[in-house]
C-alpha atoms as a PDB file:
ATOM      1  CA  MET A   1       6.551  25.026 -13.957  1.00  0.00           C
ATOM      2  CA  ALA A   2       7.402  21.811 -12.166  1.00  0.00           C
ATOM      3  CA  ASN A   3       9.285  19.085 -13.963  1.00  0.00           C
ATOM      4  CA  THR A   4       8.029  15.513 -14.376  1.00  0.00           C
ATOM      5  CA  ALA A   5       9.812  14.064 -11.350  1.00  0.00           C
ATOM      6  CA  THR A   6       8.608  16.813  -9.035  1.00  0.00           C
ATOM      7  CA  GLY A   7       5.059  16.391 -10.340  1.00  0.00           C
ATOM      8  CA  ILE A   8       5.149  12.658  -9.621  1.00  0.00           C
ATOM      9  CA  VAL A   9       6.330  13.302  -6.046  1.00  0.00           C
ATOM     10  CA  LEU A  10       3.682  15.976  -5.457  1.00  0.00           C
ATOM     11  CA  ILE A  11       0.916  13.695  -6.765  1.00  0.00           C
ATOM     12  CA  ALA A  12       2.159  10.798  -4.616  1.00  0.00           C
ATOM     13  CA  GLY A  13       2.280  13.039  -1.536  1.00  0.00           C
ATOM     14  CA  THR A  14      -1.193  14.419  -2.195  1.00  0.00           C
ATOM     15  CA  ALA A  15      -2.588  10.910  -2.620  1.00  0.00           C
ATOM     16  CA  THR A  16      -0.887   9.784   0.596  1.00  0.00           C
ATOM     17  CA  PHE A  17      -2.280  12.772   2.497  1.00  0.00           C
ATOM     18  CA  ALA A  18      -5.792  12.177   1.159  1.00  0.00           C
ATOM     19  CA  ASN A  19      -5.701   8.431   1.856  1.00  0.00           C
ATOM     20  CA  GLU A  20      -4.468   8.870   5.416  1.00  0.00           C
ATOM     21  CA  TRP A  21      -7.132  11.506   6.044  1.00  0.00           C
ATOM     22  CA  TYR A  22      -9.804   9.245   4.501  1.00  0.00           C
ATOM     23  CA  GLN A  23      -8.745   6.148   6.453  1.00  0.00           C
ATOM     24  CA  THR A  24      -7.958   7.620   9.878  1.00  0.00           C
ATOM     25  CA  LYS A  25     -10.289  10.662   9.798  1.00  0.00           C
ATOM     26  CA  LYS A  26      -7.360  12.743  11.123  1.00  0.00           C
ATOM     27  CA  VAL A  27      -5.325  15.368   9.293  1.00  0.00           C
ATOM     28  CA  ASN A  28      -1.582  14.744   9.465  1.00  0.00           C
ATOM     29  CA  TRP A  29       0.179  17.969   8.426  1.00  0.00           C
ATOM     30  CA  LYS A  30       3.570  16.236   8.422  1.00  0.00           C
ATOM     31  CA  VAL A  31       2.751  14.581   5.089  1.00  0.00           C
ATOM     32  CA  PRO A  32       2.269  17.766   2.998  1.00  0.00           C
ATOM     33  CA  ILE A  33       5.320  19.389   4.606  1.00  0.00           C
ATOM     34  CA  ALA A  34       7.449  16.314   3.882  1.00  0.00           C
ATOM     35  CA  THR A  35       6.022  16.207   0.353  1.00  0.00           C
ATOM     36  CA  LEU A  36       7.075  19.791  -0.335  1.00  0.00           C
ATOM     37  CA  LEU A  37      10.561  19.195   1.072  1.00  0.00           C
ATOM     38  CA  LEU A  38      10.982  15.993  -0.948  1.00  0.00           C
ATOM     39  CA  GLY A  39       9.685  17.809  -4.031  1.00  0.00           C
ATOM     40  CA  ALA A  40      12.393  20.436  -3.569  1.00  0.00           C
ATOM     41  CA  VAL A  41      15.062  17.737  -3.204  1.00  0.00           C
ATOM     42  CA  ILE A  42      13.814  15.942  -6.323  1.00  0.00           C
ATOM     43  CA  ASP A  43      13.765  19.246  -8.203  1.00  0.00           C
ATOM     44  CA  GLY A  44      17.401  19.808  -7.244  1.00  0.00           C
ATOM     45  CA  LEU A  45      18.302  16.264  -8.309  1.00  0.00           C
ATOM     46  CA  ASN A  46      16.518  16.865 -11.597  1.00  0.00           C
ATOM     47  CA  LYS A  47      18.965  19.663 -12.381  1.00  0.00           C
ATOM     48  CA  VAL A  48      21.845  17.179 -11.971  1.00  0.00           C
ATOM     49  CA  ASP A  49      20.351  14.057 -13.603  1.00  0.00           C
ATOM     50  CA  ASP A  50      16.764  14.053 -14.844  1.00  0.00           C
ATOM     51  CA  LYS A  51      16.540  10.281 -15.414  1.00  0.00           C
ATOM     52  CA  ALA A  52      17.687   9.542 -11.866  1.00  0.00           C
ATOM     53  CA  ALA A  53      15.170  12.046 -10.521  1.00  0.00           C
ATOM     54  CA  ILE A  54      12.324  10.439 -12.455  1.00  0.00           C
ATOM     55  CA  GLY A  55      13.404   6.955 -11.329  1.00  0.00           C
ATOM     56  CA  LEU A  56      13.508   8.036  -7.694  1.00  0.00           C
ATOM     57  CA  ALA A  57      10.148   9.788  -8.052  1.00  0.00           C
ATOM     58  CA  ILE A  58       8.583   6.603  -9.445  1.00  0.00           C
ATOM     59  CA  MET A  59       9.967   4.641  -6.490  1.00  0.00           C
ATOM     60  CA  VAL A  60       8.446   7.229  -4.131  1.00  0.00           C
ATOM     61  CA  ALA A  61       5.088   6.913  -5.918  1.00  0.00           C
ATOM     62  CA  ILE A  62       5.149   3.106  -5.646  1.00  0.00           C
ATOM     63  CA  ALA A  63       5.991   3.288  -1.939  1.00  0.00           C
ATOM     64  CA  ALA A  64       3.287   5.902  -1.351  1.00  0.00           C
ATOM     65  CA  SER A  65       0.648   3.832  -3.114  1.00  0.00           C
ATOM     66  CA  ALA A  66       1.524   0.753  -1.032  1.00  0.00           C
ATOM     67  CA  THR A  67       1.730   2.447   2.398  1.00  0.00           C
ATOM     68  CA  LYS A  68      -1.213   1.422   4.566  1.00  0.00           C
ATOM     69  CA  PHE A  69      -3.180   3.740   6.849  1.00  0.00           C
ATOM     70  CA  GLY A  70      -6.009   2.256   8.849  1.00  0.00           C
ATOM     71  CA  GLY A  71      -5.304  -1.081   7.200  1.00  0.00           C
ATOM     72  CA  LYS A  72      -5.696   0.121   3.603  1.00  0.00           C
ATOM     73  CA  SER A  73      -3.295   1.532   1.051  1.00  0.00           C
ATOM     74  CA  ILE A  74      -4.157   3.873  -1.801  1.00  0.00           C
ATOM     75  CA  ILE A  75      -4.447   0.866  -4.099  1.00  0.00           C
ATOM     76  CA  ASP A  76      -6.820  -0.888  -1.666  1.00  0.00           C
ATOM     77  CA  THR A  77      -8.941   2.248  -1.372  1.00  0.00           C
ATOM     78  CA  MET A  78      -9.170   2.678  -5.146  1.00  0.00           C
ATOM     79  CA  VAL A  79     -10.157  -0.966  -5.613  1.00  0.00           C
ATOM     80  CA  GLN A  80     -12.770  -0.631  -2.892  1.00  0.00           C
ATOM     81  CA  LEU A  81     -14.242   2.578  -4.312  1.00  0.00           C
ATOM     82  CA  TRP A  82     -14.198   1.814  -8.031  1.00  0.00           C
ATOM     83  CA  GLY A  83     -13.265  -1.793  -8.625  1.00  0.00           C
ATOM     84  CA  THR A  84     -16.072  -3.770  -7.004  1.00  0.00           C
ATOM     85  CA  LYS A  85     -19.834  -3.753  -7.051  1.00  0.00           C
ATOM     86  CA  GLN A  86     -20.204  -5.214  -3.571  1.00  0.00           C
ATOM     87  CA  PRO A  87     -18.053  -3.755  -0.791  1.00  0.00           C
ATOM     88  CA  GLY A  88     -15.546  -6.279   0.473  1.00  0.00           C
ATOM     89  CA  LYS A  89     -16.057  -8.763  -2.359  1.00  0.00           C
ATOM     90  CA  VAL A  90     -14.086  -8.959  -5.553  1.00  0.00           C
ATOM     91  CA  GLN A  91     -16.212  -9.694  -8.593  1.00  0.00           C
ATOM     92  CA  PRO A  92     -14.951 -12.573 -10.760  1.00  0.00           C
ATOM     93  CA  ILE A  93     -13.850 -11.772 -14.270  1.00  0.00           C
ATOM     94  CA  LYS A  94     -16.469 -12.930 -16.743  1.00  0.00           C
ATOM     95  CA  THR A  95     -14.999 -14.880 -19.609  1.00  0.00           C
ATOM     96  CA  ASN A  96     -16.542 -16.375 -22.666  1.00  0.00           C
ATOM     97  CA  THR A  97     -16.064 -20.114 -22.247  1.00  0.00           C
ATOM     98  CA  SER A  98     -17.960 -21.032 -25.409  1.00  0.00           C
ATOM     99  CA  ILE A  99     -15.133 -20.668 -27.896  1.00  0.00           C
ATOM    100  CA  PRO A 100     -16.164 -21.875 -31.343  1.00  0.00           C
ATOM    101  CA  ARG A 101     -14.186 -24.869 -32.532  1.00  0.00           C
ATOM    102  CA  PRO A 102     -12.822 -25.017 -36.058  1.00  0.00           C
ATOM    103  CA  ALA A 103     -14.827 -27.141 -38.449  1.00  0.00           C
ATOM    104  CA  ALA A 104     -13.632 -30.710 -38.950  1.00  0.00           C
ATOM    105  CA  ARG A 105     -11.991 -31.441 -42.285  1.00  0.00           C
END
């Protein structure tokens, strides 16, 4: 069973592979190969220092989620797919502006 750090790296690599494929419509087999190699390195680091391995894995996940393919990162793609009702437009947050005032004394 994979440890936490290796799991984070494998999820980040899978998301990167899927996003690049989705954005460019081309399969880049270098990404899954690099993901497996980095997962093995992180697994080895985990045997030495598990907190360092998890920290490095989180940094890899942040970098993977911010890397842009076809002009969009994983975060941009997720916002586009699930975060808006109209493509290309961000919906404003609806707030309740009618806050009741305390009664005068």
